[in-house]
Amino acid sequence: IASLTGYFMSHGVSDQALASHKAIVAVAASLRKQANIMAFSDTFFLIGIALIIALSSSLILKKPAHLSGGAAH
């Protein structure tokens, strides 16, 4: 936070409180972006696991018995 505050102070923000606020907002935005990426990754992983389970369970199922055709109309 201190280094970002210094960065904002050296780039035109004259008030230290405003520079500190901008630094906190910048860190929060970075954290939010990283959290969204991690959430997407976790969701993709869970969907992949669900598909693997569905595929393996479909391979275990028995094939249906052959049914005779219905009566002709």
PDB file of N, CA and C in Angstrom:
ATOM      1  N   ILE A   1       0.845  -1.186   0.000  1.00  0.00           N
ATOM      2  CA  ILE A   1       0.000   0.000   0.000  1.00  0.00           C
ATOM      3  C   ILE A   1       0.889   1.248   0.000  1.00  0.00           C
ATOM      4  N   ALA A   2       1.947   1.201   0.810  1.00  0.00           N
ATOM      5  CA  ALA A   2       2.823   2.369   0.917  1.00  0.00           C
ATOM      6  C   ALA A   2       3.508   2.676  -0.409  1.00  0.00           C
ATOM      7  N   SER A   3       3.949   1.650  -1.115  1.00  0.00           N
ATOM      8  CA  SER A   3       4.620   1.903  -2.391  1.00  0.00           C
ATOM      9  C   SER A   3       3.640   2.425  -3.434  1.00  0.00           C
ATOM     10  N   LEU A   4       2.419   1.912  -3.432  1.00  0.00           N
ATOM     11  CA  LEU A   4       1.415   2.438  -4.357  1.00  0.00           C
ATOM     12  C   LEU A   4       1.011   3.862  -3.994  1.00  0.00           C
ATOM     13  N   THR A   5       0.939   4.149  -2.702  1.00  0.00           N
ATOM     14  CA  THR A   5       0.650   5.522  -2.274  1.00  0.00           C
ATOM     15  C   THR A   5       1.739   6.454  -2.773  1.00  0.00           C
ATOM     16  N   GLY A   6       2.989   6.044  -2.616  1.00  0.00           N
ATOM     17  CA  GLY A   6       4.103   6.843  -3.132  1.00  0.00           C
ATOM     18  C   GLY A   6       4.042   7.001  -4.638  1.00  0.00           C
ATOM     19  N   TYR A   7       3.656   5.944  -5.326  1.00  0.00           N
ATOM     20  CA  TYR A   7       3.526   6.015  -6.779  1.00  0.00           C
ATOM     21  C   TYR A   7       2.474   7.050  -7.175  1.00  0.00           C
ATOM     22  N   PHE A   8       1.306   7.000  -6.520  1.00  0.00           N
ATOM     23  CA  PHE A   8       0.252   7.960  -6.853  1.00  0.00           C
ATOM     24  C   PHE A   8       0.646   9.382  -6.465  1.00  0.00           C
ATOM     25  N   MET A   9       1.379   9.526  -5.363  1.00  0.00           N
ATOM     26  CA  MET A   9       1.830  10.867  -4.952  1.00  0.00           C
ATOM     27  C   MET A   9       2.820  11.427  -5.971  1.00  0.00           C
ATOM     28  N   SER A  10       3.669  10.576  -6.531  1.00  0.00           N
ATOM     29  CA  SER A  10       4.654  11.056  -7.503  1.00  0.00           C
ATOM     30  C   SER A  10       4.049  11.272  -8.885  1.00  0.00           C
ATOM     31  N   HIS A  11       2.837  10.799  -9.098  1.00  0.00           N
ATOM     32  CA  HIS A  11       2.195  10.961 -10.396  1.00  0.00           C
ATOM     33  C   HIS A  11       0.991  11.899 -10.339  1.00  0.00           C
ATOM     34  N   GLY A  12       1.072  12.912  -9.517  1.00  0.00           N
ATOM     35  CA  GLY A  12       0.103  13.990  -9.590  1.00  0.00           C
ATOM     36  C   GLY A  12      -0.953  14.060  -8.512  1.00  0.00           C
ATOM     37  N   VAL A  13      -1.046  13.093  -7.610  1.00  0.00           N
ATOM     38  CA  VAL A  13      -2.020  13.175  -6.523  1.00  0.00           C
ATOM     39  C   VAL A  13      -1.334  13.882  -5.364  1.00  0.00           C
ATOM     40  N   SER A  14      -1.839  15.061  -4.994  1.00  0.00           N
ATOM     41  CA  SER A  14      -1.152  15.862  -3.977  1.00  0.00           C
ATOM     42  C   SER A  14      -1.575  15.515  -2.549  1.00  0.00           C
ATOM     43  N   ASP A  15      -2.762  14.964  -2.368  1.00  0.00           N
ATOM     44  CA  ASP A  15      -3.262  14.635  -1.039  1.00  0.00           C
ATOM     45  C   ASP A  15      -2.887  13.192  -0.696  1.00  0.00           C
ATOM     46  N   GLN A  16      -2.249  13.007   0.466  1.00  0.00           N
ATOM     47  CA  GLN A  16      -1.810  11.668   0.844  1.00  0.00           C
ATOM     48  C   GLN A  16      -2.995  10.752   1.130  1.00  0.00           C
ATOM     49  N   ALA A  17      -4.058  11.281   1.701  1.00  0.00           N
ATOM     50  CA  ALA A  17      -5.238  10.457   1.987  1.00  0.00           C
ATOM     51  C   ALA A  17      -5.867   9.952   0.688  1.00  0.00           C
ATOM     52  N   LEU A  18      -5.930  10.821  -0.315  1.00  0.00           N
ATOM     53  CA  LEU A  18      -6.480  10.412  -1.608  1.00  0.00           C
ATOM     54  C   LEU A  18      -5.568   9.395  -2.287  1.00  0.00           C
ATOM     55  N   ALA A  19      -4.260   9.615  -2.187  1.00  0.00           N
ATOM     56  CA  ALA A  19      -3.309   8.663  -2.772  1.00  0.00           C
ATOM     57  C   ALA A  19      -3.408   7.309  -2.074  1.00  0.00           C
ATOM     58  N   SER A  20      -3.573   7.315  -0.761  1.00  0.00           N
ATOM     59  CA  SER A  20      -3.733   6.069  -0.015  1.00  0.00           C
ATOM     60  C   SER A  20      -5.030   5.370  -0.407  1.00  0.00           C
ATOM     61  N   HIS A  21      -6.094   6.143  -0.572  1.00  0.00           N
ATOM     62  CA  HIS A  21      -7.375   5.574  -1.001  1.00  0.00           C
ATOM     63  C   HIS A  21      -7.245   4.958  -2.390  1.00  0.00           C
ATOM     64  N   LYS A  22      -6.576   5.656  -3.304  1.00  0.00           N
ATOM     65  CA  LYS A  22      -6.374   5.120  -4.652  1.00  0.00           C
ATOM     66  C   LYS A  22      -5.549   3.844  -4.611  1.00  0.00           C
ATOM     67  N   ALA A  23      -4.569   3.782  -3.713  1.00  0.00           N
ATOM     68  CA  ALA A  23      -3.750   2.575  -3.581  1.00  0.00           C
ATOM     69  C   ALA A  23      -4.596   1.405  -3.092  1.00  0.00           C
ATOM     70  N   ILE A  24      -5.454   1.654  -2.119  1.00  0.00           N
ATOM     71  CA  ILE A  24      -6.323   0.592  -1.601  1.00  0.00           C
ATOM     72  C   ILE A  24      -7.296   0.129  -2.681  1.00  0.00           C
ATOM     73  N   VAL A  25      -7.836   1.059  -3.446  1.00  0.00           N
ATOM     74  CA  VAL A  25      -8.752   0.705  -4.531  1.00  0.00           C
ATOM     75  C   VAL A  25      -8.022  -0.114  -5.596  1.00  0.00           C
ATOM     76  N   ALA A  26      -6.774   0.252  -5.898  1.00  0.00           N
ATOM     77  CA  ALA A  26      -6.001  -0.496  -6.898  1.00  0.00           C
ATOM     78  C   ALA A  26      -5.726  -1.920  -6.425  1.00  0.00           C
ATOM     79  N   VAL A  27      -5.382  -2.078  -5.147  1.00  0.00           N
ATOM     80  CA  VAL A  27      -5.142  -3.419  -4.605  1.00  0.00           C
ATOM     81  C   VAL A  27      -6.439  -4.226  -4.609  1.00  0.00           C
ATOM     82  N   ALA A  28      -7.542  -3.597  -4.241  1.00  0.00           N
ATOM     83  CA  ALA A  28      -8.832  -4.293  -4.231  1.00  0.00           C
ATOM     84  C   ALA A  28      -9.229  -4.732  -5.640  1.00  0.00           C
ATOM     85  N   ALA A  29      -8.977  -3.884  -6.635  1.00  0.00           N
ATOM     86  CA  ALA A  29      -9.302  -4.249  -8.016  1.00  0.00           C
ATOM     87  C   ALA A  29      -8.455  -5.428  -8.478  1.00  0.00           C
ATOM     88  N   SER A  30      -7.191  -5.418  -8.113  1.00  0.00           N
ATOM     89  CA  SER A  30      -6.311  -6.532  -8.476  1.00  0.00           C
ATOM     90  C   SER A  30      -6.755  -7.824  -7.803  1.00  0.00           C
ATOM     91  N   LEU A  31      -7.112  -7.736  -6.531  1.00  0.00           N
ATOM     92  CA  LEU A  31      -7.587  -8.922  -5.813  1.00  0.00           C
ATOM     93  C   LEU A  31      -8.888  -9.450  -6.405  1.00  0.00           C
ATOM     94  N   ARG A  32      -9.784  -8.546  -6.771  1.00  0.00           N
ATOM     95  CA  ARG A  32     -11.057  -8.957  -7.361  1.00  0.00           C
ATOM     96  C   ARG A  32     -10.819  -9.675  -8.690  1.00  0.00           C
ATOM     97  N   LYS A  33      -9.900  -9.144  -9.495  1.00  0.00           N
ATOM     98  CA  LYS A  33      -9.600  -9.770 -10.778  1.00  0.00           C
ATOM     99  C   LYS A  33      -9.026 -11.172 -10.578  1.00  0.00           C
ATOM    100  N   GLN A  34      -8.101 -11.308  -9.645  1.00  0.00           N
ATOM    101  CA  GLN A  34      -7.499 -12.613  -9.373  1.00  0.00           C
ATOM    102  C   GLN A  34      -8.528 -13.591  -8.803  1.00  0.00           C
ATOM    103  N   ALA A  35      -9.425 -13.098  -7.958  1.00  0.00           N
ATOM    104  CA  ALA A  35     -10.462 -13.965  -7.389  1.00  0.00           C
ATOM    105  C   ALA A  35     -11.414 -14.454  -8.474  1.00  0.00           C
ATOM    106  N   ASN A  36     -11.748 -13.595  -9.425  1.00  0.00           N
ATOM    107  CA  ASN A  36     -12.622 -14.008 -10.524  1.00  0.00           C
ATOM    108  C   ASN A  36     -11.954 -15.073 -11.383  1.00  0.00           C
ATOM    109  N   ILE A  37     -10.671 -14.906 -11.648  1.00  0.00           N
ATOM    110  CA  ILE A  37      -9.942 -15.890 -12.444  1.00  0.00           C
ATOM    111  C   ILE A  37      -9.888 -17.228 -11.711  1.00  0.00           C
ATOM    112  N   MET A  38      -9.621 -17.194 -10.412  1.00  0.00           N
ATOM    113  CA  MET A  38      -9.563 -18.432  -9.633  1.00  0.00           C
ATOM    114  C   MET A  38     -10.937 -19.098  -9.548  1.00  0.00           C
ATOM    115  N   ALA A  39     -11.989 -18.309  -9.430  1.00  0.00           N
ATOM    116  CA  ALA A  39     -13.345 -18.874  -9.377  1.00  0.00           C
ATOM    117  C   ALA A  39     -13.698 -19.535 -10.702  1.00  0.00           C
ATOM    118  N   PHE A  40     -13.333 -18.903 -11.810  1.00  0.00           N
ATOM    119  CA  PHE A  40     -13.579 -19.498 -13.122  1.00  0.00           C
ATOM    120  C   PHE A  40     -12.816 -20.807 -13.264  1.00  0.00           C
ATOM    121  N   SER A  41     -11.579 -20.819 -12.812  1.00  0.00           N
ATOM    122  CA  SER A  41     -10.763 -22.028 -12.884  1.00  0.00           C
ATOM    123  C   SER A  41     -11.371 -23.148 -12.047  1.00  0.00           C
ATOM    124  N   ASP A  42     -11.808 -22.823 -10.840  1.00  0.00           N
ATOM    125  CA  ASP A  42     -12.420 -23.835  -9.971  1.00  0.00           C
ATOM    126  C   ASP A  42     -13.720 -24.369 -10.571  1.00  0.00           C
ATOM    127  N   THR A  43     -14.521 -23.486 -11.146  1.00  0.00           N
ATOM    128  CA  THR A  43     -15.776 -23.903 -11.764  1.00  0.00           C
ATOM    129  C   THR A  43     -15.513 -24.813 -12.959  1.00  0.00           C
ATOM    130  N   PHE A  44     -14.536 -24.449 -13.776  1.00  0.00           N
ATOM    131  CA  PHE A  44     -14.170 -25.272 -14.923  1.00  0.00           C
ATOM    132  C   PHE A  44     -13.709 -26.649 -14.460  1.00  0.00           C
ATOM    133  N   PHE A  45     -12.933 -26.697 -13.388  1.00  0.00           N
ATOM    134  CA  PHE A  45     -12.456 -27.963 -12.835  1.00  0.00           C
ATOM    135  C   PHE A  45     -13.624 -28.820 -12.356  1.00  0.00           C
ATOM    136  N   LEU A  46     -14.560 -28.218 -11.622  1.00  0.00           N
ATOM    137  CA  LEU A  46     -15.702 -28.972 -11.103  1.00  0.00           C
ATOM    138  C   LEU A  46     -16.610 -29.483 -12.218  1.00  0.00           C
ATOM    139  N   ILE A  47     -16.802 -28.691 -13.259  1.00  0.00           N
ATOM    140  CA  ILE A  47     -17.603 -29.152 -14.395  1.00  0.00           C
ATOM    141  C   ILE A  47     -16.902 -30.314 -15.087  1.00  0.00           C
ATOM    142  N   GLY A  48     -15.585 -30.246 -15.196  1.00  0.00           N
ATOM    143  CA  GLY A  48     -14.829 -31.356 -15.778  1.00  0.00           C
ATOM    144  C   GLY A  48     -14.973 -32.627 -14.967  1.00  0.00           C
ATOM    145  N   ILE A  49     -14.895 -32.506 -13.648  1.00  0.00           N
ATOM    146  CA  ILE A  49     -15.078 -33.675 -12.780  1.00  0.00           C
ATOM    147  C   ILE A  49     -16.485 -34.250 -12.948  1.00  0.00           C
ATOM    148  N   ALA A  50     -17.494 -33.379 -13.013  1.00  0.00           N
ATOM    149  CA  ALA A  50     -18.874 -33.845 -13.194  1.00  0.00           C
ATOM    150  C   ALA A  50     -19.031 -34.571 -14.529  1.00  0.00           C
ATOM    151  N   LEU A  51     -18.392 -34.075 -15.573  1.00  0.00           N
ATOM    152  CA  LEU A  51     -18.477 -34.744 -16.869  1.00  0.00           C
ATOM    153  C   LEU A  51     -17.774 -36.092 -16.853  1.00  0.00           C
ATOM    154  N   ILE A  52     -16.650 -36.184 -16.169  1.00  0.00           N
ATOM    155  CA  ILE A  52     -15.946 -37.464 -16.057  1.00  0.00           C
ATOM    156  C   ILE A  52     -16.805 -38.474 -15.298  1.00  0.00           C
ATOM    157  N   ILE A  53     -17.442 -38.036 -14.224  1.00  0.00           N
ATOM    158  CA  ILE A  53     -18.327 -38.928 -13.461  1.00  0.00           C
ATOM    159  C   ILE A  53     -19.509 -39.368 -14.321  1.00  0.00           C
ATOM    160  N   ALA A  54     -20.094 -38.441 -15.072  1.00  0.00           N
ATOM    161  CA  ALA A  54     -21.228 -38.793 -15.929  1.00  0.00           C
ATOM    162  C   ALA A  54     -20.803 -39.767 -17.022  1.00  0.00           C
ATOM    163  N   LEU A  55     -19.639 -39.560 -17.608  1.00  0.00           N
ATOM    164  CA  LEU A  55     -19.159 -40.461 -18.652  1.00  0.00           C
ATOM    165  C   LEU A  55     -18.881 -41.846 -18.094  1.00  0.00           C
ATOM    166  N   SER A  56     -18.219 -41.905 -16.955  1.00  0.00           N
ATOM    167  CA  SER A  56     -17.907 -43.214 -16.378  1.00  0.00           C
ATOM    168  C   SER A  56     -19.175 -43.939 -15.924  1.00  0.00           C
ATOM    169  N   SER A  57     -20.148 -43.214 -15.415  1.00  0.00           N
ATOM    170  CA  SER A  57     -21.395 -43.879 -15.011  1.00  0.00           C
ATOM    171  C   SER A  57     -22.190 -44.337 -16.224  1.00  0.00           C
ATOM    172  N   SER A  58     -22.093 -43.633 -17.338  1.00  0.00           N
ATOM    173  CA  SER A  58     -22.809 -44.080 -18.535  1.00  0.00           C
ATOM    174  C   SER A  58     -22.158 -45.324 -19.127  1.00  0.00           C
ATOM    175  N   LEU A  59     -20.868 -45.508 -18.923  1.00  0.00           N
ATOM    176  CA  LEU A  59     -20.203 -46.715 -19.405  1.00  0.00           C
ATOM    177  C   LEU A  59     -20.558 -47.929 -18.559  1.00  0.00           C
ATOM    178  N   ILE A  60     -20.923 -47.712 -17.311  1.00  0.00           N
ATOM    179  CA  ILE A  60     -21.265 -48.807 -16.407  1.00  0.00           C
ATOM    180  C   ILE A  60     -22.685 -49.318 -16.657  1.00  0.00           C
ATOM    181  N   LEU A  61     -23.557 -48.477 -17.166  1.00  0.00           N
ATOM    182  CA  LEU A  61     -24.958 -48.866 -17.369  1.00  0.00           C
ATOM    183  C   LEU A  61     -25.078 -50.028 -18.351  1.00  0.00           C
ATOM    184  N   LYS A  62     -26.089 -50.868 -18.145  1.00  0.00           N
ATOM    185  CA  LYS A  62     -26.351 -51.981 -19.054  1.00  0.00           C
ATOM    186  C   LYS A  62     -27.053 -51.462 -20.299  1.00  0.00           C
ATOM    187  N   LYS A  63     -26.802 -52.148 -21.393  1.00  0.00           N
ATOM    188  CA  LYS A  63     -27.509 -51.792 -22.618  1.00  0.00           C
ATOM    189  C   LYS A  63     -28.945 -52.303 -22.506  1.00  0.00           C
ATOM    190  N   PRO A  64     -29.919 -51.582 -23.015  1.00  0.00           N
ATOM    191  CA  PRO A  64     -31.307 -52.036 -22.900  1.00  0.00           C
ATOM    192  C   PRO A  64     -31.545 -53.285 -23.752  1.00  0.00           C
ATOM    193  N   ALA A  65     -32.473 -54.118 -23.294  1.00  0.00           N
ATOM    194  CA  ALA A  65     -32.833 -55.318 -24.053  1.00  0.00           C
ATOM    195  C   ALA A  65     -33.525 -54.908 -25.340  1.00  0.00           C
ATOM    196  N   HIS A  66     -33.378 -55.736 -26.359  1.00  0.00           N
ATOM    197  CA  HIS A  66     -34.006 -55.433 -27.645  1.00  0.00           C
ATOM    198  C   HIS A  66     -35.521 -55.609 -27.518  1.00  0.00           C
ATOM    199  N   LEU A  67     -36.234 -54.567 -27.831  1.00  0.00           N
ATOM    200  CA  LEU A  67     -37.693 -54.619 -27.751  1.00  0.00           C
ATOM    201  C   LEU A  67     -38.256 -54.924 -29.135  1.00  0.00           C
ATOM    202  N   SER A  68     -39.310 -55.707 -29.181  1.00  0.00           N
ATOM    203  CA  SER A  68     -39.929 -55.994 -30.476  1.00  0.00           C
ATOM    204  C   SER A  68     -40.657 -54.752 -30.966  1.00  0.00           C
ATOM    205  N   GLY A  69     -40.801 -54.664 -32.259  1.00  0.00           N
ATOM    206  CA  GLY A  69     -41.478 -53.516 -32.848  1.00  0.00           C
ATOM    207  C   GLY A  69     -42.951 -53.504 -32.485  1.00  0.00           C
ATOM    208  N   GLY A  70     -43.546 -52.358 -32.477  1.00  0.00           N
ATOM    209  CA  GLY A  70     -44.958 -52.238 -32.144  1.00  0.00           C
ATOM    210  C   GLY A  70     -45.830 -52.742 -33.284  1.00  0.00           C
ATOM    211  N   ALA A  71     -47.104 -52.863 -33.030  1.00  0.00           N
ATOM    212  CA  ALA A  71     -48.046 -53.317 -34.057  1.00  0.00           C
ATOM    213  C   ALA A  71     -48.149 -52.271 -35.150  1.00  0.00           C
ATOM    214  N   ALA A  72     -48.290 -52.743 -36.384  1.00  0.00           N
ATOM    215  CA  ALA A  72     -48.406 -51.821 -37.511  1.00  0.00           C
ATOM    216  C   ALA A  72     -49.804 -51.217 -37.539  1.00  0.00           C
ATOM    217  N   HIS A  73     -49.892 -50.038 -38.008  1.00  0.00           N
ATOM    218  CA  HIS A  73     -51.194 -49.367 -38.089  1.00  0.00           C
ATOM    219  C   HIS A  73     -51.823 -49.580 -39.411  1.00  0.00           C
TER     220      HIS A  73
END
